[in-house]
Full PDB file with SEQRES, HELIX, SHEET, SSBOND, CRYST1, ORIGX, SCALE, CONECT and MASTER records, all heavy atoms in Angstrom:
SEQRES   1 A   43  TYR PHE TYR SER ARG LEU GLU GLU LYS GLN PRO VAL VAL          
SEQRES   2 A   43  THR GLU ALA ILE ASP ASP THR LEU TYR LEU TYR LEU ARG          
SEQRES   3 A   43  ILE SER GLU ARG GLY ILE PRO ALA ILE ASP SER VAL HIS          
SEQRES   4 A   43  ILE ASP SER LEU                                              
HELIX    1 AA1 PHE A    2  GLU A    8  1                                   7    
SHEET    1 AA1 2 TYR A  22  ILE A  27  0                                        
SHEET    2 AA1 2 PRO A  33  HIS A  39 -1                                        
CRYST1    1.000    1.000    1.000  90.00  90.00  90.00 P 1           1          
ORIGX1      1.000000  0.000000  0.000000        0.00000                         
ORIGX2      0.000000  1.000000  0.000000        0.00000                         
ORIGX3      0.000000  0.000000  1.000000        0.00000                         
SCALE1      1.000000  0.000000  0.000000        0.00000                         
SCALE2      0.000000  1.000000  0.000000        0.00000                         
SCALE3      0.000000  0.000000  1.000000        0.00000                         
ATOM      1  N   TYR A   1     115.856  95.035 117.716  1.00  0.00           N  
ATOM      2  CA  TYR A   1     116.874  95.881 117.169  1.00  0.00           C  
ATOM      3  C   TYR A   1     117.379  95.301 115.860  1.00  0.00           C  
ATOM      4  O   TYR A   1     117.522  96.108 114.881  1.00  0.00           O  
ATOM      5  CB  TYR A   1     118.003  96.022 118.189  1.00  0.00           C  
ATOM      6  CG  TYR A   1     118.904  97.136 117.853  1.00  0.00           C  
ATOM      7  CD1 TYR A   1     118.581  98.460 118.089  1.00  0.00           C  
ATOM      8  CD2 TYR A   1     120.126  96.914 117.230  1.00  0.00           C  
ATOM      9  CE1 TYR A   1     119.371  99.528 117.705  1.00  0.00           C  
ATOM     10  CE2 TYR A   1     120.979  97.946 116.880  1.00  0.00           C  
ATOM     11  CZ  TYR A   1     120.585  99.245 117.156  1.00  0.00           C  
ATOM     12  OH  TYR A   1     121.396 100.250 116.754  1.00  0.00           O  
ATOM     13  N   PHE A   2     117.626  94.068 115.773  1.00  0.00           N  
ATOM     14  CA  PHE A   2     118.102  93.457 114.510  1.00  0.00           C  
ATOM     15  C   PHE A   2     117.081  93.645 113.425  1.00  0.00           C  
ATOM     16  O   PHE A   2     117.438  94.027 112.289  1.00  0.00           O  
ATOM     17  CB  PHE A   2     118.379  91.946 114.718  1.00  0.00           C  
ATOM     18  CG  PHE A   2     119.806  91.683 115.075  1.00  0.00           C  
ATOM     19  CD1 PHE A   2     120.244  91.876 116.374  1.00  0.00           C  
ATOM     20  CD2 PHE A   2     120.698  91.198 114.150  1.00  0.00           C  
ATOM     21  CE1 PHE A   2     121.559  91.655 116.736  1.00  0.00           C  
ATOM     22  CE2 PHE A   2     121.998  90.926 114.494  1.00  0.00           C  
ATOM     23  CZ  PHE A   2     122.453  91.170 115.750  1.00  0.00           C  
ATOM     24  N   TYR A   3     115.823  93.305 113.702  1.00  0.00           N  
ATOM     25  CA  TYR A   3     114.793  93.393 112.655  1.00  0.00           C  
ATOM     26  C   TYR A   3     114.598  94.827 112.195  1.00  0.00           C  
ATOM     27  O   TYR A   3     114.462  95.051 110.963  1.00  0.00           O  
ATOM     28  CB  TYR A   3     113.457  92.779 113.119  1.00  0.00           C  
ATOM     29  CG  TYR A   3     113.511  91.279 113.153  1.00  0.00           C  
ATOM     30  CD1 TYR A   3     113.308  90.552 114.296  1.00  0.00           C  
ATOM     31  CD2 TYR A   3     113.806  90.538 111.998  1.00  0.00           C  
ATOM     32  CE1 TYR A   3     113.366  89.151 114.354  1.00  0.00           C  
ATOM     33  CE2 TYR A   3     113.835  89.159 111.965  1.00  0.00           C  
ATOM     34  CZ  TYR A   3     113.653  88.475 113.181  1.00  0.00           C  
ATOM     35  OH  TYR A   3     113.671  87.091 113.173  1.00  0.00           O  
ATOM     36  N   SER A   4     114.680  95.771 113.118  1.00  0.00           N  
ATOM     37  CA  SER A   4     114.508  97.154 112.651  1.00  0.00           C  
ATOM     38  C   SER A   4     115.711  97.582 111.792  1.00  0.00           C  
ATOM     39  O   SER A   4     115.502  98.325 110.812  1.00  0.00           O  
ATOM     40  CB  SER A   4     114.360  98.074 113.867  1.00  0.00           C  
ATOM     41  OG  SER A   4     115.559  98.161 114.605  1.00  0.00           O  
ATOM     42  N   ARG A   5     116.895  97.196 112.169  1.00  0.00           N  
ATOM     43  CA  ARG A   5     118.085  97.512 111.321  1.00  0.00           C  
ATOM     44  C   ARG A   5     118.055  96.840 109.963  1.00  0.00           C  
ATOM     45  O   ARG A   5     118.401  97.459 108.979  1.00  0.00           O  
ATOM     46  CB  ARG A   5     119.340  97.111 112.017  1.00  0.00           C  
ATOM     47  CG  ARG A   5     119.629  97.825 113.327  1.00  0.00           C  
ATOM     48  CD  ARG A   5     120.057  99.211 113.123  1.00  0.00           C  
ATOM     49  NE  ARG A   5     121.342  99.189 112.478  1.00  0.00           N  
ATOM     50  CZ  ARG A   5     122.098 100.233 112.244  1.00  0.00           C  
ATOM     51  NH1 ARG A   5     121.640 101.409 112.614  1.00  0.00           N  
ATOM     52  NH2 ARG A   5     123.217 100.151 111.626  1.00  0.00           N  
ATOM     53  N   LEU A   6     117.605  95.574 109.911  1.00  0.00           N  
ATOM     54  CA  LEU A   6     117.557  94.824 108.610  1.00  0.00           C  
ATOM     55  C   LEU A   6     116.422  95.418 107.755  1.00  0.00           C  
ATOM     56  O   LEU A   6     116.599  95.454 106.531  1.00  0.00           O  
ATOM     57  CB  LEU A   6     117.392  93.338 108.853  1.00  0.00           C  
ATOM     58  CG  LEU A   6     118.571  92.661 109.493  1.00  0.00           C  
ATOM     59  CD1 LEU A   6     118.251  91.222 109.807  1.00  0.00           C  
ATOM     60  CD2 LEU A   6     119.802  92.735 108.571  1.00  0.00           C  
ATOM     61  N   GLU A   7     115.346  95.849 108.323  1.00  0.00           N  
ATOM     62  CA  GLU A   7     114.224  96.444 107.554  1.00  0.00           C  
ATOM     63  C   GLU A   7     114.679  97.738 106.871  1.00  0.00           C  
ATOM     64  O   GLU A   7     114.222  98.048 105.789  1.00  0.00           O  
ATOM     65  CB  GLU A   7     113.049  96.741 108.473  1.00  0.00           C  
ATOM     66  CG  GLU A   7     112.055  95.603 108.573  1.00  0.00           C  
ATOM     67  CD  GLU A   7     110.820  95.988 109.405  1.00  0.00           C  
ATOM     68  OE1 GLU A   7     110.793  97.081 110.024  1.00  0.00           O  
ATOM     69  OE2 GLU A   7     109.910  95.171 109.435  1.00  0.00           O  
ATOM     70  N   GLU A   8     115.573  98.470 107.511  1.00  0.00           N  
ATOM     71  CA  GLU A   8     116.063  99.734 106.939  1.00  0.00           C  
ATOM     72  C   GLU A   8     116.782  99.495 105.579  1.00  0.00           C  
ATOM     73  O   GLU A   8     116.857 100.420 104.755  1.00  0.00           O  
ATOM     74  CB  GLU A   8     117.032 100.400 107.867  1.00  0.00           C  
ATOM     75  CG  GLU A   8     116.412 100.971 109.122  1.00  0.00           C  
ATOM     76  CD  GLU A   8     117.477 101.500 110.101  1.00  0.00           C  
ATOM     77  OE1 GLU A   8     118.666 101.480 109.779  1.00  0.00           O  
ATOM     78  OE2 GLU A   8     117.060 101.923 111.207  1.00  0.00           O  
ATOM     79  N   LYS A   9     117.332  98.353 105.379  1.00  0.00           N  
ATOM     80  CA  LYS A   9     118.129  98.031 104.168  1.00  0.00           C  
ATOM     81  C   LYS A   9     117.256  97.941 102.910  1.00  0.00           C  
ATOM     82  O   LYS A   9     117.770  98.161 101.806  1.00  0.00           O  
ATOM     83  CB  LYS A   9     118.931  96.714 104.358  1.00  0.00           C  
ATOM     84  CG  LYS A   9     119.887  96.756 105.552  1.00  0.00           C  
ATOM     85  CD  LYS A   9     120.879  97.844 105.448  1.00  0.00           C  
ATOM     86  CE  LYS A   9     121.816  97.932 106.619  1.00  0.00           C  
ATOM     87  NZ  LYS A   9     122.737  99.038 106.620  1.00  0.00           N  
ATOM     88  N   GLN A  10     116.004  97.591 103.022  1.00  0.00           N  
ATOM     89  CA  GLN A  10     115.128  97.460 101.872  1.00  0.00           C  
ATOM     90  C   GLN A  10     115.746  96.692 100.711  1.00  0.00           C  
ATOM     91  O   GLN A  10     115.911  97.166  99.604  1.00  0.00           O  
ATOM     92  CB  GLN A  10     114.699  98.872 101.359  1.00  0.00           C  
ATOM     93  CG  GLN A  10     113.869  99.636 102.304  1.00  0.00           C  
ATOM     94  CD  GLN A  10     112.513  99.088 102.521  1.00  0.00           C  
ATOM     95  OE1 GLN A  10     111.877  98.632 101.599  1.00  0.00           O  
ATOM     96  NE2 GLN A  10     112.067  99.078 103.779  1.00  0.00           N  
ATOM     97  N   PRO A  11     116.124  95.403 101.014  1.00  0.00           N  
ATOM     98  CA  PRO A  11     116.770  94.588  99.966  1.00  0.00           C  
ATOM     99  C   PRO A  11     115.755  94.218  98.841  1.00  0.00           C  
ATOM    100  O   PRO A  11     114.581  94.097  99.129  1.00  0.00           O  
ATOM    101  CB  PRO A  11     117.259  93.365 100.664  1.00  0.00           C  
ATOM    102  CG  PRO A  11     116.329  93.231 101.869  1.00  0.00           C  
ATOM    103  CD  PRO A  11     115.975  94.665 102.223  1.00  0.00           C  
ATOM    104  N   VAL A  12     116.254  94.020  97.651  1.00  0.00           N  
ATOM    105  CA  VAL A  12     115.457  93.563  96.519  1.00  0.00           C  
ATOM    106  C   VAL A  12     115.917  92.158  96.211  1.00  0.00           C  
ATOM    107  O   VAL A  12     117.140  91.905  96.028  1.00  0.00           O  
ATOM    108  CB  VAL A  12     115.677  94.543  95.315  1.00  0.00           C  
ATOM    109  CG1 VAL A  12     114.878  94.020  94.090  1.00  0.00           C  
ATOM    110  CG2 VAL A  12     115.197  95.914  95.677  1.00  0.00           C  
ATOM    111  N   VAL A  13     115.015  91.194  96.037  1.00  0.00           N  
ATOM    112  CA  VAL A  13     115.325  89.820  95.753  1.00  0.00           C  
ATOM    113  C   VAL A  13     114.666  89.418  94.447  1.00  0.00           C  
ATOM    114  O   VAL A  13     113.661  89.943  94.035  1.00  0.00           O  
ATOM    115  CB  VAL A  13     114.969  88.860  96.866  1.00  0.00           C  
ATOM    116  CG1 VAL A  13     115.741  89.187  98.104  1.00  0.00           C  
ATOM    117  CG2 VAL A  13     113.481  88.932  97.158  1.00  0.00           C  
ATOM    118  N   THR A  14     115.217  88.374  93.754  1.00  0.00           N  
ATOM    119  CA  THR A  14     114.655  87.904  92.535  1.00  0.00           C  
ATOM    120  C   THR A  14     113.782  86.649  92.796  1.00  0.00           C  
ATOM    121  O   THR A  14     112.957  86.275  91.961  1.00  0.00           O  
ATOM    122  CB  THR A  14     115.699  87.587  91.495  1.00  0.00           C  
ATOM    123  OG1 THR A  14     116.642  86.634  92.057  1.00  0.00           O  
ATOM    124  CG2 THR A  14     116.481  88.825  91.089  1.00  0.00           C  
ATOM    125  N   GLU A  15     114.008  85.955  93.882  1.00  0.00           N  
ATOM    126  CA  GLU A  15     113.240  84.776  94.269  1.00  0.00           C  
ATOM    127  C   GLU A  15     112.691  84.991  95.685  1.00  0.00           C  
ATOM    128  O   GLU A  15     113.311  85.685  96.514  1.00  0.00           O  
ATOM    129  CB  GLU A  15     114.094  83.559  94.284  1.00  0.00           C  
ATOM    130  CG  GLU A  15     114.673  83.124  92.937  1.00  0.00           C  
ATOM    131  CD  GLU A  15     115.612  81.929  93.147  1.00  0.00           C  
ATOM    132  OE1 GLU A  15     115.210  80.962  93.797  1.00  0.00           O  
ATOM    133  OE2 GLU A  15     116.729  81.958  92.615  1.00  0.00           O  
ATOM    134  N   ALA A  16     111.567  84.347  95.961  1.00  0.00           N  
ATOM    135  CA  ALA A  16     111.030  84.424  97.331  1.00  0.00           C  
ATOM    136  C   ALA A  16     111.918  83.747  98.301  1.00  0.00           C  
ATOM    137  O   ALA A  16     112.488  82.635  97.989  1.00  0.00           O  
ATOM    138  CB  ALA A  16     109.621  83.799  97.342  1.00  0.00           C  
ATOM    139  N   ILE A  17     112.096  84.284  99.499  1.00  0.00           N  
ATOM    140  CA  ILE A  17     112.884  83.685 100.531  1.00  0.00           C  
ATOM    141  C   ILE A  17     112.002  83.514 101.799  1.00  0.00           C  
ATOM    142  O   ILE A  17     111.271  84.441 102.136  1.00  0.00           O  
ATOM    143  CB  ILE A  17     114.081  84.582 100.967  1.00  0.00           C  
ATOM    144  CG1 ILE A  17     114.983  84.815  99.724  1.00  0.00           C  
ATOM    145  CG2 ILE A  17     114.883  83.901 102.063  1.00  0.00           C  
ATOM    146  CD1 ILE A  17     116.095  85.822 100.053  1.00  0.00           C  
ATOM    147  N   ASP A  18     112.058  82.362 102.347  1.00  0.00           N  
ATOM    148  CA  ASP A  18     111.397  82.062 103.626  1.00  0.00           C  
ATOM    149  C   ASP A  18     112.273  81.129 104.404  1.00  0.00           C  
ATOM    150  O   ASP A  18     112.172  79.927 104.258  1.00  0.00           O  
ATOM    151  CB  ASP A  18     110.006  81.464 103.407  1.00  0.00           C  
ATOM    152  CG  ASP A  18     109.225  81.291 104.731  1.00  0.00           C  
ATOM    153  OD1 ASP A  18     109.768  81.766 105.824  1.00  0.00           O  
ATOM    154  OD2 ASP A  18     108.184  80.740 104.715  1.00  0.00           O  
ATOM    155  N   ASP A  19     113.273  81.675 105.087  1.00  0.00           N  
ATOM    156  CA  ASP A  19     114.317  80.864 105.708  1.00  0.00           C  
ATOM    157  C   ASP A  19     114.695  81.448 107.090  1.00  0.00           C  
ATOM    158  O   ASP A  19     114.363  82.543 107.386  1.00  0.00           O  
ATOM    159  CB  ASP A  19     115.540  80.814 104.810  1.00  0.00           C  
ATOM    160  CG  ASP A  19     116.440  79.643 105.104  1.00  0.00           C  
ATOM    161  OD1 ASP A  19     116.151  78.860 105.991  1.00  0.00           O  
ATOM    162  OD2 ASP A  19     117.455  79.463 104.375  1.00  0.00           O  
ATOM    163  N   THR A  20     115.368  80.661 107.826  1.00  0.00           N  
ATOM    164  CA  THR A  20     115.851  81.089 109.173  1.00  0.00           C  
ATOM    165  C   THR A  20     117.350  80.900 109.156  1.00  0.00           C  
ATOM    166  O   THR A  20     117.863  79.824 108.867  1.00  0.00           O  
ATOM    167  CB  THR A  20     115.193  80.279 110.288  1.00  0.00           C  
ATOM    168  OG1 THR A  20     113.798  80.407 110.186  1.00  0.00           O  
ATOM    169  CG2 THR A  20     115.661  80.733 111.661  1.00  0.00           C  
ATOM    170  N   LEU A  21     118.078  81.970 109.536  1.00  0.00           N  
ATOM    171  CA  LEU A  21     119.479  81.839 109.710  1.00  0.00           C  
ATOM    172  C   LEU A  21     119.733  81.847 111.263  1.00  0.00           C  
ATOM    173  O   LEU A  21     118.889  82.350 112.008  1.00  0.00           O  
ATOM    174  CB  LEU A  21     120.269  82.910 109.000  1.00  0.00           C  
ATOM    175  CG  LEU A  21     120.010  84.366 109.381  1.00  0.00           C  
ATOM    176  CD1 LEU A  21     120.910  84.817 110.455  1.00  0.00           C  
ATOM    177  CD2 LEU A  21     120.253  85.252 108.142  1.00  0.00           C  
ATOM    178  N   TYR A  22     120.848  81.318 111.645  1.00  0.00           N  
ATOM    179  CA  TYR A  22     121.180  81.254 113.085  1.00  0.00           C  
ATOM    180  C   TYR A  22     122.446  82.063 113.346  1.00  0.00           C  
ATOM    181  O   TYR A  22     123.498  81.843 112.771  1.00  0.00           O  
ATOM    182  CB  TYR A  22     121.359  79.806 113.542  1.00  0.00           C  
ATOM    183  CG  TYR A  22     120.022  79.105 113.551  1.00  0.00           C  
ATOM    184  CD1 TYR A  22     119.655  78.282 112.452  1.00  0.00           C  
ATOM    185  CD2 TYR A  22     119.146  79.210 114.589  1.00  0.00           C  
ATOM    186  CE1 TYR A  22     118.439  77.651 112.376  1.00  0.00           C  
ATOM    187  CE2 TYR A  22     117.907  78.629 114.529  1.00  0.00           C  
ATOM    188  CZ  TYR A  22     117.545  77.791 113.459  1.00  0.00           C  
ATOM    189  OH  TYR A  22     116.300  77.172 113.429  1.00  0.00           O  
ATOM    190  N   LEU A  23     122.295  83.010 114.214  1.00  0.00           N  
ATOM    191  CA  LEU A  23     123.399  83.926 114.538  1.00  0.00           C  
ATOM    192  C   LEU A  23     123.779  83.583 116.014  1.00  0.00           C  
ATOM    193  O   LEU A  23     122.941  83.487 116.910  1.00  0.00           O  
ATOM    194  CB  LEU A  23     122.852  85.363 114.546  1.00  0.00           C  
ATOM    195  CG  LEU A  23     123.771  86.449 115.076  1.00  0.00           C  
ATOM    196  CD1 LEU A  23     124.831  86.802 114.010  1.00  0.00           C  
ATOM    197  CD2 LEU A  23     122.998  87.700 115.390  1.00  0.00           C  
ATOM    198  N   TYR A  24     125.048  83.332 116.198  1.00  0.00           N  
ATOM    199  CA  TYR A  24     125.575  83.095 117.543  1.00  0.00           C  
ATOM    200  C   TYR A  24     126.216  84.372 118.017  1.00  0.00           C  
ATOM    201  O   TYR A  24     127.255  84.780 117.542  1.00  0.00           O  
ATOM    202  CB  TYR A  24     126.624  81.950 117.531  1.00  0.00           C  
ATOM    203  CG  TYR A  24     125.949  80.612 117.259  1.00  0.00           C  
ATOM    204  CD1 TYR A  24     125.636  80.214 115.950  1.00  0.00           C  
ATOM    205  CD2 TYR A  24     125.577  79.793 118.328  1.00  0.00           C  
ATOM    206  CE1 TYR A  24     125.016  78.989 115.710  1.00  0.00           C  
ATOM    207  CE2 TYR A  24     124.927  78.602 118.095  1.00  0.00           C  
ATOM    208  CZ  TYR A  24     124.674  78.208 116.755  1.00  0.00           C  
ATOM    209  OH  TYR A  24     124.047  77.023 116.512  1.00  0.00           O  
ATOM    210  N   LEU A  25     125.508  85.050 118.935  1.00  0.00           N  
ATOM    211  CA  LEU A  25     125.902  86.340 119.448  1.00  0.00           C  
ATOM    212  C   LEU A  25     126.672  86.150 120.776  1.00  0.00           C  
ATOM    213  O   LEU A  25     126.172  85.570 121.692  1.00  0.00           O  
ATOM    214  CB  LEU A  25     124.673  87.188 119.712  1.00  0.00           C  
ATOM    215  CG  LEU A  25     124.909  88.600 120.230  1.00  0.00           C  
ATOM    216  CD1 LEU A  25     125.673  89.451 119.208  1.00  0.00           C  
ATOM    217  CD2 LEU A  25     123.585  89.310 120.543  1.00  0.00           C  
ATOM    218  N   ARG A  26     127.883  86.659 120.793  1.00  0.00           N  
ATOM    219  CA  ARG A  26     128.757  86.534 121.948  1.00  0.00           C  
ATOM    220  C   ARG A  26     128.833  87.885 122.704  1.00  0.00           C  
ATOM    221  O   ARG A  26     129.052  88.899 122.068  1.00  0.00           O  
ATOM    222  CB  ARG A  26     130.198  86.129 121.540  1.00  0.00           C  
ATOM    223  CG  ARG A  26     131.148  85.974 122.631  1.00  0.00           C  
ATOM    224  CD  ARG A  26     132.520  85.499 122.051  1.00  0.00           C  
ATOM    225  NE  ARG A  26     133.419  85.131 123.044  1.00  0.00           N  
ATOM    226  CZ  ARG A  26     134.319  85.982 123.579  1.00  0.00           C  
ATOM    227  NH1 ARG A  26     134.325  87.226 123.174  1.00  0.00           N  
ATOM    228  NH2 ARG A  26     135.155  85.575 124.493  1.00  0.00           N  
ATOM    229  N   ILE A  27     128.548  87.865 123.993  1.00  0.00           N  
ATOM    230  CA  ILE A  27     128.677  89.064 124.778  1.00  0.00           C  
ATOM    231  C   ILE A  27     129.844  88.875 125.752  1.00  0.00           C  
ATOM    232  O   ILE A  27     129.882  87.941 126.517  1.00  0.00           O  
ATOM    233  CB  ILE A  27     127.369  89.323 125.639  1.00  0.00           C  
ATOM    234  CG1 ILE A  27     126.148  89.252 124.823  1.00  0.00           C  
ATOM    235  CG2 ILE A  27     127.516  90.636 126.424  1.00  0.00           C  
ATOM    236  CD1 ILE A  27     126.004  90.282 123.745  1.00  0.00           C  
ATOM    237  N   SER A  28     130.886  89.733 125.635  1.00  0.00           N  
ATOM    238  CA  SER A  28     132.064  89.579 126.456  1.00  0.00           C  
ATOM    239  C   SER A  28     131.819  89.932 127.915  1.00  0.00           C  
ATOM    240  O   SER A  28     130.727  90.451 128.257  1.00  0.00           O  
ATOM    241  CB  SER A  28     133.195  90.471 125.879  1.00  0.00           C  
ATOM    242  OG  SER A  28     132.992  91.792 126.284  1.00  0.00           O  
ATOM    243  N   GLU A  29     132.797  89.655 128.712  1.00  0.00           N  
ATOM    244  CA  GLU A  29     132.646  90.024 130.160  1.00  0.00           C  
ATOM    245  C   GLU A  29     132.671  91.513 130.374  1.00  0.00           C  
ATOM    246  O   GLU A  29     132.356  91.975 131.462  1.00  0.00           O  
ATOM    247  CB  GLU A  29     133.801  89.346 130.971  1.00  0.00           C  
ATOM    248  CG  GLU A  29     135.171  89.856 130.688  1.00  0.00           C  
ATOM    249  CD  GLU A  29     135.843  89.176 129.483  1.00  0.00           C  
ATOM    250  OE1 GLU A  29     135.214  88.253 128.831  1.00  0.00           O  
ATOM    251  OE2 GLU A  29     136.965  89.548 129.156  1.00  0.00           O  
ATOM    252  N   ARG A  30     132.949  92.269 129.331  1.00  0.00           N  
ATOM    253  CA  ARG A  30     132.879  93.749 129.402  1.00  0.00           C  
ATOM    254  C   ARG A  30     131.659  94.306 128.751  1.00  0.00           C  
ATOM    255  O   ARG A  30     131.441  95.510 128.641  1.00  0.00           O  
ATOM    256  CB  ARG A  30     134.107  94.380 128.769  1.00  0.00           C  
ATOM    257  CG  ARG A  30     135.377  94.047 129.540  1.00  0.00           C  
ATOM    258  CD  ARG A  30     136.604  94.793 129.100  1.00  0.00           C  
ATOM    259  NE  ARG A  30     136.530  95.310 127.740  1.00  0.00           N  
ATOM    260  CZ  ARG A  30     137.491  95.082 126.805  1.00  0.00           C  
ATOM    261  NH1 ARG A  30     138.532  94.367 127.089  1.00  0.00           N  
ATOM    262  NH2 ARG A  30     137.364  95.611 125.655  1.00  0.00           N  
ATOM    263  N   GLY A  31     130.768  93.370 128.254  1.00  0.00           N  
ATOM    264  CA  GLY A  31     129.535  93.757 127.625  1.00  0.00           C  
ATOM    265  C   GLY A  31     129.619  94.109 126.163  1.00  0.00           C  
ATOM    266  O   GLY A  31     128.746  94.750 125.614  1.00  0.00           O  
ATOM    267  N   ILE A  32     130.695  93.679 125.568  1.00  0.00           N  
ATOM    268  CA  ILE A  32     130.887  94.003 124.121  1.00  0.00           C  
ATOM    269  C   ILE A  32     130.334  92.866 123.256  1.00  0.00           C  
ATOM    270  O   ILE A  32     130.771  91.721 123.388  1.00  0.00           O  
ATOM    271  CB  ILE A  32     132.427  94.205 123.825  1.00  0.00           C  
ATOM    272  CG1 ILE A  32     132.955  95.394 124.685  1.00  0.00           C  
ATOM    273  CG2 ILE A  32     132.686  94.415 122.341  1.00  0.00           C  
ATOM    274  CD1 ILE A  32     134.421  95.523 124.697  1.00  0.00           C  
ATOM    275  N   PRO A  33     129.378  93.214 122.391  1.00  0.00           N  
ATOM    276  CA  PRO A  33     128.796  92.161 121.524  1.00  0.00           C  
ATOM    277  C   PRO A  33     129.634  91.888 120.305  1.00  0.00           C  
ATOM    278  O   PRO A  33     130.265  92.782 119.842  1.00  0.00           O  
ATOM    279  CB  PRO A  33     127.423  92.745 121.159  1.00  0.00           C  
ATOM    280  CG  PRO A  33     127.664  94.267 121.169  1.00  0.00           C  
ATOM    281  CD  PRO A  33     128.676  94.485 122.238  1.00  0.00           C  
ATOM    282  N   ALA A  34     129.603  90.640 119.901  1.00  0.00           N  
ATOM    283  CA  ALA A  34     130.340  90.283 118.641  1.00  0.00           C  
ATOM    284  C   ALA A  34     129.639  89.025 118.071  1.00  0.00           C  
ATOM    285  O   ALA A  34     129.043  88.254 118.824  1.00  0.00           O  
ATOM    286  CB  ALA A  34     131.802  89.972 118.925  1.00  0.00           C  
ATOM    287  N   ILE A  35     129.753  88.848 116.780  1.00  0.00           N  
ATOM    288  CA  ILE A  35     129.204  87.649 116.102  1.00  0.00           C  
ATOM    289  C   ILE A  35     130.227  86.568 116.301  1.00  0.00           C  
ATOM    290  O   ILE A  35     131.389  86.713 115.849  1.00  0.00           O  
ATOM    291  CB  ILE A  35     128.870  87.907 114.632  1.00  0.00           C  
ATOM    292  CG1 ILE A  35     127.747  88.925 114.542  1.00  0.00           C  
ATOM    293  CG2 ILE A  35     128.511  86.579 113.954  1.00  0.00           C  
ATOM    294  CD1 ILE A  35     127.375  89.299 113.095  1.00  0.00           C  
ATOM    295  N   ASP A  36     129.815  85.481 116.907  1.00  0.00           N  
ATOM    296  CA  ASP A  36     130.683  84.326 117.111  1.00  0.00           C  
ATOM    297  C   ASP A  36     130.708  83.530 115.772  1.00  0.00           C  
ATOM    298  O   ASP A  36     131.781  83.197 115.286  1.00  0.00           O  
ATOM    299  CB  ASP A  36     130.215  83.478 118.261  1.00  0.00           C  
ATOM    300  CG  ASP A  36     131.190  82.446 118.685  1.00  0.00           C  
ATOM    301  OD1 ASP A  36     132.405  82.806 118.849  1.00  0.00           O  
ATOM    302  OD2 ASP A  36     130.824  81.295 118.840  1.00  0.00           O  
ATOM    303  N   SER A  37     129.522  83.265 115.261  1.00  0.00           N  
ATOM    304  CA  SER A  37     129.395  82.561 113.978  1.00  0.00           C  
ATOM    305  C   SER A  37     127.982  82.799 113.448  1.00  0.00           C  
ATOM    306  O   SER A  37     127.071  83.188 114.203  1.00  0.00           O  
ATOM    307  CB  SER A  37     129.720  81.095 114.043  1.00  0.00           C  
ATOM    308  OG  SER A  37     128.786  80.456 114.909  1.00  0.00           O  
ATOM    309  N   VAL A  38     127.762  82.554 112.165  1.00  0.00           N  
ATOM    310  CA  VAL A  38     126.460  82.653 111.540  1.00  0.00           C  
ATOM    311  C   VAL A  38     126.252  81.478 110.607  1.00  0.00           C  
ATOM    312  O   VAL A  38     127.145  81.132 109.806  1.00  0.00           O  
ATOM    313  CB  VAL A  38     126.330  83.974 110.701  1.00  0.00           C  
ATOM    314  CG1 VAL A  38     124.898  84.088 110.163  1.00  0.00           C  
ATOM    315  CG2 VAL A  38     126.675  85.182 111.492  1.00  0.00           C  
ATOM    316  N   HIS A  39     125.092  80.864 110.680  1.00  0.00           N  
ATOM    317  CA  HIS A  39     124.746  79.719 109.764  1.00  0.00           C  
ATOM    318  C   HIS A  39     123.636  80.244 108.821  1.00  0.00           C  
ATOM    319  O   HIS A  39     122.540  80.459 109.286  1.00  0.00           O  
ATOM    320  CB  HIS A  39     124.288  78.530 110.562  1.00  0.00           C  
ATOM    321  CG  HIS A  39     125.387  78.010 111.477  1.00  0.00           C  
ATOM    322  ND1 HIS A  39     126.394  77.215 111.019  1.00  0.00           N  
ATOM    323  CD2 HIS A  39     125.555  78.173 112.822  1.00  0.00           C  
ATOM    324  CE1 HIS A  39     127.208  76.913 112.035  1.00  0.00           C  
ATOM    325  NE2 HIS A  39     126.740  77.515 113.109  1.00  0.00           N  
ATOM    326  N   ILE A  40     124.066  80.408 107.562  1.00  0.00           N  
ATOM    327  CA  ILE A  40     123.166  80.972 106.607  1.00  0.00           C  
ATOM    328  C   ILE A  40     123.053  79.999 105.371  1.00  0.00           C  
ATOM    329  O   ILE A  40     124.098  79.525 104.881  1.00  0.00           O  
ATOM    330  CB  ILE A  40     123.666  82.372 106.065  1.00  0.00           C  
ATOM    331  CG1 ILE A  40     123.913  83.318 107.242  1.00  0.00           C  
ATOM    332  CG2 ILE A  40     122.637  82.951 105.101  1.00  0.00           C  
ATOM    333  CD1 ILE A  40     124.583  84.615 106.807  1.00  0.00           C  
ATOM    334  N   ASP A  41     121.868  79.776 104.960  1.00  0.00           N  
ATOM    335  CA  ASP A  41     121.605  78.936 103.772  1.00  0.00           C  
ATOM    336  C   ASP A  41     122.171  79.599 102.551  1.00  0.00           C  
ATOM    337  O   ASP A  41     122.150  80.863 102.372  1.00  0.00           O  
ATOM    338  CB  ASP A  41     120.123  78.702 103.605  1.00  0.00           C  
ATOM    339  CG  ASP A  41     119.811  77.661 102.554  1.00  0.00           C  
ATOM    340  OD1 ASP A  41     119.984  76.483 102.798  1.00  0.00           O  
ATOM    341  OD2 ASP A  41     119.347  78.092 101.489  1.00  0.00           O  
ATOM    342  N   SER A  42     122.626  78.811 101.581  1.00  0.00           N  
ATOM    343  CA  SER A  42     123.236  79.360 100.344  1.00  0.00           C  
ATOM    344  C   SER A  42     122.251  80.139  99.535  1.00  0.00           C  
ATOM    345  O   SER A  42     122.662  81.164  98.862  1.00  0.00           O  
ATOM    346  CB  SER A  42     123.841  78.244  99.515  1.00  0.00           C  
ATOM    347  OG  SER A  42     122.800  77.317  99.155  1.00  0.00           O  
ATOM    348  N   LEU A  43     120.942  79.843  99.570  1.00  0.00           N  
ATOM    349  CA  LEU A  43     119.943  80.623  98.828  1.00  0.00           C  
ATOM    350  C   LEU A  43     119.856  82.044  99.381  1.00  0.00           C  
ATOM    351  O   LEU A  43     119.797  83.011  98.595  1.00  0.00           O  
ATOM    352  CB  LEU A  43     118.593  79.959  98.909  1.00  0.00           C  
ATOM    353  CG  LEU A  43     117.392  80.745  98.346  1.00  0.00           C  
ATOM    354  CD1 LEU A  43     117.583  80.935  96.860  1.00  0.00           C  
ATOM    355  CD2 LEU A  43     116.055  80.086  98.665  1.00  0.00           C  
TER     356      LEU A  43                                                      
MASTER        0    0    0    1    2    0    0    6  355    1    0    4          
END                                                                             
């Protein structure tokens, strides 16, 4: 689901990127998803 949503954005970059970011996804006791935190490289 994430990859399909991000692919829709069709971003344009000036430098090549090959990186991994870490998303901490929290699911509440009611089933509500939220981003707890994200670790993204500055590039």
